[in-house]
Amino acid sequence: MSTTNRWEELFGGGRRWRVAEEVTGTHVTRARRGVPAVTITFDRGNFTVAAPGAYRSPLSTNRGRNGVLLQETDVTGSADIPGSRLAVGAPAVSKAREQYGAVW
């Protein structure tokens, strides 16, 4: 995996995240005119992007089709920070938990 070196920015300094488990269902999107529609399926915060689509995590220059949707919270975990969702791969969630203690 090629990294963007944003780990400390996103998970350091006391920032906290949770898996957005309330996000479940299917979303169909079109990136731009002339590009086929892409279906994204969410299951308790985990997601799959159907081919030919892919997403890019802010932690990697590689594109992926499976990931986890994170929601930033306050330091106590009692309130979400609006507009702060983040799509990353499952290995990134594990690393953020183990090395930064940043994912509930």
PDB file of N, CA and C in Angstrom:
ATOM      1  N   MET A   1       0.853  -1.176   0.000  1.00  0.00           N
ATOM      2  CA  MET A   1       0.000   0.000   0.000  1.00  0.00           C
ATOM      3  C   MET A   1       0.893   1.231   0.000  1.00  0.00           C
ATOM      4  N   SER A   2       0.597   2.145  -0.876  1.00  0.00           N
ATOM      5  CA  SER A   2       1.303   3.411  -0.932  1.00  0.00           C
ATOM      6  C   SER A   2       0.577   4.415  -0.035  1.00  0.00           C
ATOM      7  N   THR A   3       1.288   5.013   0.889  1.00  0.00           N
ATOM      8  CA  THR A   3       0.656   5.865   1.883  1.00  0.00           C
ATOM      9  C   THR A   3       0.817   7.343   1.575  1.00  0.00           C
ATOM     10  N   THR A   4      -0.100   8.151   2.086  1.00  0.00           N
ATOM     11  CA  THR A   4      -0.040   9.600   1.908  1.00  0.00           C
ATOM     12  C   THR A   4       0.552  10.298   3.129  1.00  0.00           C
ATOM     13  N   ASN A   5       0.955   9.515   4.148  1.00  0.00           N
ATOM     14  CA  ASN A   5       1.566  10.049   5.372  1.00  0.00           C
ATOM     15  C   ASN A   5       0.663  11.027   6.122  1.00  0.00           C
ATOM     16  N   ARG A   6      -0.642  10.768   6.149  1.00  0.00           N
ATOM     17  CA  ARG A   6      -1.592  11.622   6.866  1.00  0.00           C
ATOM     18  C   ARG A   6      -2.093  10.968   8.147  1.00  0.00           C
ATOM     19  N   TRP A   7      -1.428   9.919   8.612  1.00  0.00           N
ATOM     20  CA  TRP A   7      -1.882   9.183   9.788  1.00  0.00           C
ATOM     21  C   TRP A   7      -1.980  10.078  11.009  1.00  0.00           C
ATOM     22  N   GLU A   8      -0.925  10.808  11.298  1.00  0.00           N
ATOM     23  CA  GLU A   8      -0.906  11.665  12.487  1.00  0.00           C
ATOM     24  C   GLU A   8      -1.966  12.759  12.376  1.00  0.00           C
ATOM     25  N   GLU A   9      -2.106  13.336  11.209  1.00  0.00           N
ATOM     26  CA  GLU A   9      -3.111  14.385  10.991  1.00  0.00           C
ATOM     27  C   GLU A   9      -4.523  13.875  11.275  1.00  0.00           C
ATOM     28  N   LEU A  10      -4.836  12.680  10.802  1.00  0.00           N
ATOM     29  CA  LEU A  10      -6.195  12.159  10.926  1.00  0.00           C
ATOM     30  C   LEU A  10      -6.467  11.430  12.240  1.00  0.00           C
ATOM     31  N   PHE A  11      -5.463  10.787  12.815  1.00  0.00           N
ATOM     32  CA  PHE A  11      -5.706   9.966  13.991  1.00  0.00           C
ATOM     33  C   PHE A  11      -4.932  10.395  15.236  1.00  0.00           C
ATOM     34  N   GLY A  12      -4.002  11.300  15.097  1.00  0.00           N
ATOM     35  CA  GLY A  12      -3.226  11.760  16.234  1.00  0.00           C
ATOM     36  C   GLY A  12      -3.882  12.952  16.920  1.00  0.00           C
ATOM     37  N   GLY A  13      -3.195  13.480  17.903  1.00  0.00           N
ATOM     38  CA  GLY A  13      -3.642  14.696  18.572  1.00  0.00           C
ATOM     39  C   GLY A  13      -4.956  14.581  19.313  1.00  0.00           C
ATOM     40  N   GLY A  14      -5.312  13.360  19.712  1.00  0.00           N
ATOM     41  CA  GLY A  14      -6.549  13.185  20.469  1.00  0.00           C
ATOM     42  C   GLY A  14      -7.809  13.069  19.634  1.00  0.00           C
ATOM     43  N   ARG A  15      -7.688  13.049  18.304  1.00  0.00           N
ATOM     44  CA  ARG A  15      -8.885  12.873  17.479  1.00  0.00           C
ATOM     45  C   ARG A  15      -9.447  11.477  17.705  1.00  0.00           C
ATOM     46  N   ARG A  16     -10.782  11.368  17.694  1.00  0.00           N
ATOM     47  CA  ARG A  16     -11.462  10.094  17.923  1.00  0.00           C
ATOM     48  C   ARG A  16     -12.487   9.847  16.826  1.00  0.00           C
ATOM     49  N   TRP A  17     -12.640   8.578  16.474  1.00  0.00           N
ATOM     50  CA  TRP A  17     -13.535   8.155  15.396  1.00  0.00           C
ATOM     51  C   TRP A  17     -14.311   6.935  15.855  1.00  0.00           C
ATOM     52  N   ARG A  18     -15.447   6.718  15.217  1.00  0.00           N
ATOM     53  CA  ARG A  18     -16.228   5.494  15.417  1.00  0.00           C
ATOM     54  C   ARG A  18     -16.668   4.998  14.053  1.00  0.00           C
ATOM     55  N   VAL A  19     -16.944   3.704  13.936  1.00  0.00           N
ATOM     56  CA  VAL A  19     -17.509   3.166  12.702  1.00  0.00           C
ATOM     57  C   VAL A  19     -18.950   3.654  12.612  1.00  0.00           C
ATOM     58  N   ALA A  20     -19.333   4.183  11.474  1.00  0.00           N
ATOM     59  CA  ALA A  20     -20.683   4.723  11.270  1.00  0.00           C
ATOM     60  C   ALA A  20     -21.656   3.569  11.019  1.00  0.00           C
ATOM     61  N   GLU A  21     -21.925   2.792  12.063  1.00  0.00           N
ATOM     62  CA  GLU A  21     -22.746   1.586  11.944  1.00  0.00           C
ATOM     63  C   GLU A  21     -24.190   1.876  11.561  1.00  0.00           C
ATOM     64  N   GLU A  22     -24.641   3.111  11.742  1.00  0.00           N
ATOM     65  CA  GLU A  22     -26.010   3.452  11.356  1.00  0.00           C
ATOM     66  C   GLU A  22     -26.187   3.555   9.843  1.00  0.00           C
ATOM     67  N   VAL A  23     -25.078   3.547   9.101  1.00  0.00           N
ATOM     68  CA  VAL A  23     -25.155   3.678   7.645  1.00  0.00           C
ATOM     69  C   VAL A  23     -25.299   2.300   7.029  1.00  0.00           C
ATOM     70  N   THR A  24     -26.490   2.029   6.529  1.00  0.00           N
ATOM     71  CA  THR A  24     -26.825   0.762   5.893  1.00  0.00           C
ATOM     72  C   THR A  24     -27.740   1.058   4.720  1.00  0.00           C
ATOM     73  N   GLY A  25     -27.535   0.355   3.616  1.00  0.00           N
ATOM     74  CA  GLY A  25     -28.387   0.549   2.451  1.00  0.00           C
ATOM     75  C   GLY A  25     -27.560   0.684   1.185  1.00  0.00           C
ATOM     76  N   THR A  26     -28.233   1.063   0.117  1.00  0.00           N
ATOM     77  CA  THR A  26     -27.605   1.172  -1.194  1.00  0.00           C
ATOM     78  C   THR A  26     -27.722   2.597  -1.709  1.00  0.00           C
ATOM     79  N   HIS A  27     -26.636   3.073  -2.304  1.00  0.00           N
ATOM     80  CA  HIS A  27     -26.602   4.411  -2.891  1.00  0.00           C
ATOM     81  C   HIS A  27     -26.062   4.279  -4.307  1.00  0.00           C
ATOM     82  N   VAL A  28     -26.727   4.906  -5.256  1.00  0.00           N
ATOM     83  CA  VAL A  28     -26.267   4.906  -6.640  1.00  0.00           C
ATOM     84  C   VAL A  28     -25.812   6.318  -6.962  1.00  0.00           C
ATOM     85  N   THR A  29     -24.610   6.434  -7.498  1.00  0.00           N
ATOM     86  CA  THR A  29     -24.049   7.745  -7.786  1.00  0.00           C
ATOM     87  C   THR A  29     -23.405   7.767  -9.169  1.00  0.00           C
ATOM     88  N   ARG A  30     -23.323   8.952  -9.728  1.00  0.00           N
ATOM     89  CA  ARG A  30     -22.649   9.155 -11.007  1.00  0.00           C
ATOM     90  C   ARG A  30     -21.596  10.232 -10.766  1.00  0.00           C
ATOM     91  N   ALA A  31     -20.333   9.892 -10.963  1.00  0.00           N
ATOM     92  CA  ALA A  31     -19.245  10.820 -10.681  1.00  0.00           C
ATOM     93  C   ALA A  31     -19.288  12.042 -11.591  1.00  0.00           C
ATOM     94  N   ARG A  32     -19.504  11.830 -12.867  1.00  0.00           N
ATOM     95  CA  ARG A  32     -19.599  12.944 -13.817  1.00  0.00           C
ATOM     96  C   ARG A  32     -20.309  12.473 -15.077  1.00  0.00           C
ATOM     97  N   ARG A  33     -20.723  13.406 -15.871  1.00  0.00           N
ATOM     98  CA  ARG A  33     -21.464  13.086 -17.095  1.00  0.00           C
ATOM     99  C   ARG A  33     -20.642  12.161 -17.985  1.00  0.00           C
ATOM    100  N   GLY A  34     -21.296  11.152 -18.507  1.00  0.00           N
ATOM    101  CA  GLY A  34     -20.636  10.197 -19.376  1.00  0.00           C
ATOM    102  C   GLY A  34     -19.988   9.034 -18.651  1.00  0.00           C
ATOM    103  N   VAL A  35     -19.971   9.076 -17.348  1.00  0.00           N
ATOM    104  CA  VAL A  35     -19.404   7.994 -16.554  1.00  0.00           C
ATOM    105  C   VAL A  35     -20.556   7.133 -16.048  1.00  0.00           C
ATOM    106  N   PRO A  36     -20.443   5.807 -16.169  1.00  0.00           N
ATOM    107  CA  PRO A  36     -21.545   4.952 -15.718  1.00  0.00           C
ATOM    108  C   PRO A  36     -21.851   5.128 -14.233  1.00  0.00           C
ATOM    109  N   ALA A  37     -23.099   4.941 -13.888  1.00  0.00           N
ATOM    110  CA  ALA A  37     -23.503   4.999 -12.477  1.00  0.00           C
ATOM    111  C   ALA A  37     -22.800   3.886 -11.699  1.00  0.00           C
ATOM    112  N   VAL A  38     -22.506   4.165 -10.454  1.00  0.00           N
ATOM    113  CA  VAL A  38     -21.825   3.204  -9.581  1.00  0.00           C
ATOM    114  C   VAL A  38     -22.701   2.974  -8.359  1.00  0.00           C
ATOM    115  N   THR A  39     -22.841   1.719  -7.965  1.00  0.00           N
ATOM    116  CA  THR A  39     -23.615   1.368  -6.787  1.00  0.00           C
ATOM    117  C   THR A  39     -22.679   1.135  -5.608  1.00  0.00           C
ATOM    118  N   ILE A  40     -23.020   1.767  -4.484  1.00  0.00           N
ATOM    119  CA  ILE A  40     -22.267   1.585  -3.248  1.00  0.00           C
ATOM    120  C   ILE A  40     -23.223   0.950  -2.244  1.00  0.00           C
ATOM    121  N   THR A  41     -22.828  -0.181  -1.694  1.00  0.00           N
ATOM    122  CA  THR A  41     -23.648  -0.894  -0.729  1.00  0.00           C
ATOM    123  C   THR A  41     -23.012  -0.772   0.650  1.00  0.00           C
ATOM    124  N   PHE A  42     -23.812  -0.268   1.606  1.00  0.00           N
ATOM    125  CA  PHE A  42     -23.355  -0.089   2.986  1.00  0.00           C
ATOM    126  C   PHE A  42     -24.015  -1.131   3.886  1.00  0.00           C
ATOM    127  N   ASP A  43     -23.240  -1.680   4.795  1.00  0.00           N
ATOM    128  CA  ASP A  43     -23.748  -2.619   5.781  1.00  0.00           C
ATOM    129  C   ASP A  43     -23.105  -2.296   7.123  1.00  0.00           C
ATOM    130  N   ARG A  44     -23.825  -1.548   7.954  1.00  0.00           N
ATOM    131  CA  ARG A  44     -23.349  -1.148   9.283  1.00  0.00           C
ATOM    132  C   ARG A  44     -21.982  -0.471   9.239  1.00  0.00           C
ATOM    133  N   GLY A  45     -21.830   0.447   8.268  1.00  0.00           N
ATOM    134  CA  GLY A  45     -20.602   1.215   8.152  1.00  0.00           C
ATOM    135  C   GLY A  45     -19.551   0.615   7.246  1.00  0.00           C
ATOM    136  N   ASN A  46     -19.667  -0.669   6.943  1.00  0.00           N
ATOM    137  CA  ASN A  46     -18.774  -1.298   5.973  1.00  0.00           C
ATOM    138  C   ASN A  46     -19.385  -1.090   4.593  1.00  0.00           C
ATOM    139  N   PHE A  47     -18.550  -0.887   3.582  1.00  0.00           N
ATOM    140  CA  PHE A  47     -19.123  -0.639   2.260  1.00  0.00           C
ATOM    141  C   PHE A  47     -18.352  -1.356   1.164  1.00  0.00           C
ATOM    142  N   THR A  48     -19.071  -1.552   0.047  1.00  0.00           N
ATOM    143  CA  THR A  48     -18.506  -2.118  -1.163  1.00  0.00           C
ATOM    144  C   THR A  48     -18.925  -1.228  -2.324  1.00  0.00           C
ATOM    145  N   VAL A  49     -17.959  -0.842  -3.136  1.00  0.00           N
ATOM    146  CA  VAL A  49     -18.215  -0.045  -4.332  1.00  0.00           C
ATOM    147  C   VAL A  49     -18.193  -1.013  -5.506  1.00  0.00           C
ATOM    148  N   ALA A  50     -19.299  -1.081  -6.262  1.00  0.00           N
ATOM    149  CA  ALA A  50     -19.389  -1.997  -7.398  1.00  0.00           C
ATOM    150  C   ALA A  50     -18.508  -1.507  -8.550  1.00  0.00           C
ATOM    151  N   ALA A  51     -17.948  -2.458  -9.303  1.00  0.00           N
ATOM    152  CA  ALA A  51     -17.167  -2.125 -10.498  1.00  0.00           C
ATOM    153  C   ALA A  51     -18.070  -1.403 -11.495  1.00  0.00           C
ATOM    154  N   PRO A  52     -17.591  -0.439 -12.205  1.00  0.00           N
ATOM    155  CA  PRO A  52     -16.196  -0.042 -12.370  1.00  0.00           C
ATOM    156  C   PRO A  52     -15.731   1.007 -11.359  1.00  0.00           C
ATOM    157  N   GLY A  53     -16.522   1.274 -10.351  1.00  0.00           N
ATOM    158  CA  GLY A  53     -16.183   2.310  -9.378  1.00  0.00           C
ATOM    159  C   GLY A  53     -15.091   1.890  -8.418  1.00  0.00           C
ATOM    160  N   ALA A  54     -14.546   2.867  -7.723  1.00  0.00           N
ATOM    161  CA  ALA A  54     -13.540   2.658  -6.686  1.00  0.00           C
ATOM    162  C   ALA A  54     -13.482   3.936  -5.865  1.00  0.00           C
ATOM    163  N   TYR A  55     -12.930   3.854  -4.681  1.00  0.00           N
ATOM    164  CA  TYR A  55     -12.770   5.041  -3.849  1.00  0.00           C
ATOM    165  C   TYR A  55     -11.294   5.197  -3.504  1.00  0.00           C
ATOM    166  N   ARG A  56     -10.916   6.396  -3.116  1.00  0.00           N
ATOM    167  CA  ARG A  56      -9.545   6.648  -2.684  1.00  0.00           C
ATOM    168  C   ARG A  56      -9.580   7.145  -1.252  1.00  0.00           C
ATOM    169  N   SER A  57      -8.941   6.425  -0.381  1.00  0.00           N
ATOM    170  CA  SER A  57      -8.809   6.818   1.020  1.00  0.00           C
ATOM    171  C   SER A  57      -7.805   7.963   1.111  1.00  0.00           C
ATOM    172  N   PRO A  58      -7.992   8.881   2.051  1.00  0.00           N
ATOM    173  CA  PRO A  58      -6.990   9.929   2.223  1.00  0.00           C
ATOM    174  C   PRO A  58      -5.670   9.395   2.798  1.00  0.00           C
ATOM    175  N   LEU A  59      -5.640   8.107   3.129  1.00  0.00           N
ATOM    176  CA  LEU A  59      -4.435   7.499   3.687  1.00  0.00           C
ATOM    177  C   LEU A  59      -3.598   6.770   2.657  1.00  0.00           C
ATOM    178  N   SER A  60      -4.114   6.605   1.435  1.00  0.00           N
ATOM    179  CA  SER A  60      -3.429   5.806   0.430  1.00  0.00           C
ATOM    180  C   SER A  60      -3.619   6.401  -0.958  1.00  0.00           C
ATOM    181  N   THR A  61      -2.651   6.189  -1.808  1.00  0.00           N
ATOM    182  CA  THR A  61      -2.792   6.615  -3.200  1.00  0.00           C
ATOM    183  C   THR A  61      -3.431   5.516  -4.040  1.00  0.00           C
ATOM    184  N   ASN A  62      -3.604   4.338  -3.466  1.00  0.00           N
ATOM    185  CA  ASN A  62      -4.256   3.231  -4.163  1.00  0.00           C
ATOM    186  C   ASN A  62      -5.763   3.370  -4.049  1.00  0.00           C
ATOM    187  N   ARG A  63      -6.470   2.853  -5.022  1.00  0.00           N
ATOM    188  CA  ARG A  63      -7.935   2.847  -4.986  1.00  0.00           C
ATOM    189  C   ARG A  63      -8.430   1.494  -4.524  1.00  0.00           C
ATOM    190  N   GLY A  64      -9.609   1.495  -3.896  1.00  0.00           N
ATOM    191  CA  GLY A  64     -10.174   0.248  -3.402  1.00  0.00           C
ATOM    192  C   GLY A  64     -11.664   0.170  -3.639  1.00  0.00           C
ATOM    193  N   ARG A  65     -12.224  -0.994  -3.414  1.00  0.00           N
ATOM    194  CA  ARG A  65     -13.667  -1.201  -3.573  1.00  0.00           C
ATOM    195  C   ARG A  65     -14.357  -1.517  -2.261  1.00  0.00           C
ATOM    196  N   ASN A  66     -13.610  -1.924  -1.239  1.00  0.00           N
ATOM    197  CA  ASN A  66     -14.188  -2.254   0.064  1.00  0.00           C
ATOM    198  C   ASN A  66     -13.579  -1.348   1.109  1.00  0.00           C
ATOM    199  N   GLY A  67     -14.403  -0.941   2.067  1.00  0.00           N
ATOM    200  CA  GLY A  67     -13.868  -0.076   3.108  1.00  0.00           C
ATOM    201  C   GLY A  67     -14.801   0.068   4.289  1.00  0.00           C
ATOM    202  N   VAL A  68     -14.442   1.009   5.152  1.00  0.00           N
ATOM    203  CA  VAL A  68     -15.190   1.289   6.370  1.00  0.00           C
ATOM    204  C   VAL A  68     -15.416   2.788   6.443  1.00  0.00           C
ATOM    205  N   LEU A  69     -16.644   3.182   6.752  1.00  0.00           N
ATOM    206  CA  LEU A  69     -16.985   4.591   6.891  1.00  0.00           C
ATOM    207  C   LEU A  69     -16.847   4.976   8.361  1.00  0.00           C
ATOM    208  N   LEU A  70     -15.951   5.931   8.641  1.00  0.00           N
ATOM    209  CA  LEU A  70     -15.742   6.399  10.004  1.00  0.00           C
ATOM    210  C   LEU A  70     -16.428   7.747  10.195  1.00  0.00           C
ATOM    211  N   GLN A  71     -16.868   7.982  11.419  1.00  0.00           N
ATOM    212  CA  GLN A  71     -17.472   9.254  11.816  1.00  0.00           C
ATOM    213  C   GLN A  71     -16.638   9.805  12.961  1.00  0.00           C
ATOM    214  N   GLU A  72     -16.153  11.051  12.830  1.00  0.00           N
ATOM    215  CA  GLU A  72     -15.381  11.648  13.916  1.00  0.00           C
ATOM    216  C   GLU A  72     -16.312  12.040  15.055  1.00  0.00           C
ATOM    217  N   THR A  73     -15.820  11.864  16.278  1.00  0.00           N
ATOM    218  CA  THR A  73     -16.588  12.217  17.477  1.00  0.00           C
ATOM    219  C   THR A  73     -15.778  13.202  18.318  1.00  0.00           C
ATOM    220  N   ASP A  74     -16.428  13.742  19.334  1.00  0.00           N
ATOM    221  CA  ASP A  74     -15.674  14.535  20.305  1.00  0.00           C
ATOM    222  C   ASP A  74     -14.799  13.567  21.110  1.00  0.00           C
ATOM    223  N   VAL A  75     -13.954  14.090  21.983  1.00  0.00           N
ATOM    224  CA  VAL A  75     -13.011  13.231  22.702  1.00  0.00           C
ATOM    225  C   VAL A  75     -13.674  12.228  23.625  1.00  0.00           C
ATOM    226  N   THR A  76     -14.908  12.496  24.053  1.00  0.00           N
ATOM    227  CA  THR A  76     -15.605  11.555  24.930  1.00  0.00           C
ATOM    228  C   THR A  76     -16.386  10.508  24.153  1.00  0.00           C
ATOM    229  N   GLY A  77     -16.572  10.734  22.860  1.00  0.00           N
ATOM    230  CA  GLY A  77     -17.359   9.815  22.044  1.00  0.00           C
ATOM    231  C   GLY A  77     -18.848  10.020  22.172  1.00  0.00           C
ATOM    232  N   SER A  78     -19.265  11.066  22.878  1.00  0.00           N
ATOM    233  CA  SER A  78     -20.697  11.284  23.113  1.00  0.00           C
ATOM    234  C   SER A  78     -21.379  12.111  22.032  1.00  0.00           C
ATOM    235  N   ALA A  79     -20.621  12.782  21.174  1.00  0.00           N
ATOM    236  CA  ALA A  79     -21.229  13.610  20.128  1.00  0.00           C
ATOM    237  C   ALA A  79     -20.425  13.507  18.834  1.00  0.00           C
ATOM    238  N   ASP A  80     -21.145  13.361  17.726  1.00  0.00           N
ATOM    239  CA  ASP A  80     -20.503  13.349  16.415  1.00  0.00           C
ATOM    240  C   ASP A  80     -20.133  14.765  16.007  1.00  0.00           C
ATOM    241  N   ILE A  81     -19.062  14.880  15.219  1.00  0.00           N
ATOM    242  CA  ILE A  81     -18.674  16.157  14.645  1.00  0.00           C
ATOM    243  C   ILE A  81     -19.252  16.192  13.233  1.00  0.00           C
ATOM    244  N   PRO A  82     -20.220  17.079  12.970  1.00  0.00           N
ATOM    245  CA  PRO A  82     -20.885  17.121  11.661  1.00  0.00           C
ATOM    246  C   PRO A  82     -19.891  17.313  10.516  1.00  0.00           C
ATOM    247  N   GLY A  83     -20.161  16.620   9.406  1.00  0.00           N
ATOM    248  CA  GLY A  83     -19.351  16.771   8.200  1.00  0.00           C
ATOM    249  C   GLY A  83     -17.972  16.147   8.275  1.00  0.00           C
ATOM    250  N   SER A  84     -17.784  15.188   9.172  1.00  0.00           N
ATOM    251  CA  SER A  84     -16.439  14.637   9.356  1.00  0.00           C
ATOM    252  C   SER A  84     -16.364  13.133   9.117  1.00  0.00           C
ATOM    253  N   ARG A  85     -17.051  12.656   8.119  1.00  0.00           N
ATOM    254  CA  ARG A  85     -16.957  11.230   7.802  1.00  0.00           C
ATOM    255  C   ARG A  85     -15.721  10.969   6.953  1.00  0.00           C
ATOM    256  N   LEU A  86     -15.208   9.745   7.052  1.00  0.00           N
ATOM    257  CA  LEU A  86     -13.964   9.385   6.405  1.00  0.00           C
ATOM    258  C   LEU A  86     -14.050   7.942   5.924  1.00  0.00           C
ATOM    259  N   ALA A  87     -13.746   7.696   4.659  1.00  0.00           N
ATOM    260  CA  ALA A  87     -13.750   6.345   4.101  1.00  0.00           C
ATOM    261  C   ALA A  87     -12.316   5.825   4.054  1.00  0.00           C
ATOM    262  N   VAL A  88     -12.091   4.690   4.716  1.00  0.00           N
ATOM    263  CA  VAL A  88     -10.764   4.072   4.758  1.00  0.00           C
ATOM    264  C   VAL A  88     -10.913   2.562   4.628  1.00  0.00           C
ATOM    265  N   GLY A  89      -9.808   1.878   4.410  1.00  0.00           N
ATOM    266  CA  GLY A  89      -9.816   0.419   4.351  1.00  0.00           C
ATOM    267  C   GLY A  89      -9.821  -0.194   5.743  1.00  0.00           C
ATOM    268  N   ALA A  90     -10.258  -1.438   5.841  1.00  0.00           N
ATOM    269  CA  ALA A  90     -10.295  -2.133   7.127  1.00  0.00           C
ATOM    270  C   ALA A  90      -8.917  -2.222   7.790  1.00  0.00           C
ATOM    271  N   PRO A  91      -7.819  -2.450   7.039  1.00  0.00           N
ATOM    272  CA  PRO A  91      -6.505  -2.465   7.691  1.00  0.00           C
ATOM    273  C   PRO A  91      -6.157  -1.114   8.333  1.00  0.00           C
ATOM    274  N   ALA A  92      -6.625  -0.021   7.748  1.00  0.00           N
ATOM    275  CA  ALA A  92      -6.377   1.306   8.322  1.00  0.00           C
ATOM    276  C   ALA A  92      -7.107   1.471   9.651  1.00  0.00           C
ATOM    277  N   VAL A  93      -8.317   0.924   9.746  1.00  0.00           N
ATOM    278  CA  VAL A  93      -9.068   0.994  11.005  1.00  0.00           C
ATOM    279  C   VAL A  93      -8.302   0.236  12.091  1.00  0.00           C
ATOM    280  N   SER A  94      -7.788  -0.927  11.757  1.00  0.00           N
ATOM    281  CA  SER A  94      -7.005  -1.710  12.723  1.00  0.00           C
ATOM    282  C   SER A  94      -5.771  -0.940  13.182  1.00  0.00           C
ATOM    283  N   LYS A  95      -5.054  -0.340  12.246  1.00  0.00           N
ATOM    284  CA  LYS A  95      -3.853   0.428  12.596  1.00  0.00           C
ATOM    285  C   LYS A  95      -4.219   1.638  13.454  1.00  0.00           C
ATOM    286  N   ALA A  96      -5.298   2.340  13.105  1.00  0.00           N
ATOM    287  CA  ALA A  96      -5.717   3.517  13.885  1.00  0.00           C
ATOM    288  C   ALA A  96      -6.100   3.122  15.306  1.00  0.00           C
ATOM    289  N   ARG A  97      -6.680   1.943  15.471  1.00  0.00           N
ATOM    290  CA  ARG A  97      -7.025   1.448  16.814  1.00  0.00           C
ATOM    291  C   ARG A  97      -5.773   1.077  17.597  1.00  0.00           C
ATOM    292  N   GLU A  98      -4.907   0.308  16.967  1.00  0.00           N
ATOM    293  CA  GLU A  98      -3.736  -0.231  17.655  1.00  0.00           C
ATOM    294  C   GLU A  98      -2.664   0.820  17.934  1.00  0.00           C
ATOM    295  N   GLN A  99      -2.359   1.658  16.962  1.00  0.00           N
ATOM    296  CA  GLN A  99      -1.240   2.581  17.105  1.00  0.00           C
ATOM    297  C   GLN A  99      -1.630   3.953  17.652  1.00  0.00           C
ATOM    298  N   TYR A 100      -2.882   4.358  17.448  1.00  0.00           N
ATOM    299  CA  TYR A 100      -3.306   5.692  17.873  1.00  0.00           C
ATOM    300  C   TYR A 100      -4.421   5.666  18.923  1.00  0.00           C
ATOM    301  N   GLY A 101      -5.085   4.529  19.089  1.00  0.00           N
ATOM    302  CA  GLY A 101      -6.224   4.473  20.011  1.00  0.00           C
ATOM    303  C   GLY A 101      -7.323   5.429  19.585  1.00  0.00           C
ATOM    304  N   ALA A 102      -7.450   5.651  18.267  1.00  0.00           N
ATOM    305  CA  ALA A 102      -8.324   6.707  17.752  1.00  0.00           C
ATOM    306  C   ALA A 102      -9.691   6.233  17.293  1.00  0.00           C
ATOM    307  N   VAL A 103      -9.911   4.916  17.192  1.00  0.00           N
ATOM    308  CA  VAL A 103     -11.208   4.411  16.726  1.00  0.00           C
ATOM    309  C   VAL A 103     -11.848   3.635  17.857  1.00  0.00           C
ATOM    310  N   TRP A 104     -13.064   4.042  18.238  1.00  0.00           N
ATOM    311  CA  TRP A 104     -13.810   3.384  19.330  1.00  0.00           C
ATOM    312  C   TRP A 104     -14.183   1.995  18.906  1.00  0.00           C
TER     313      TRP A 104
END
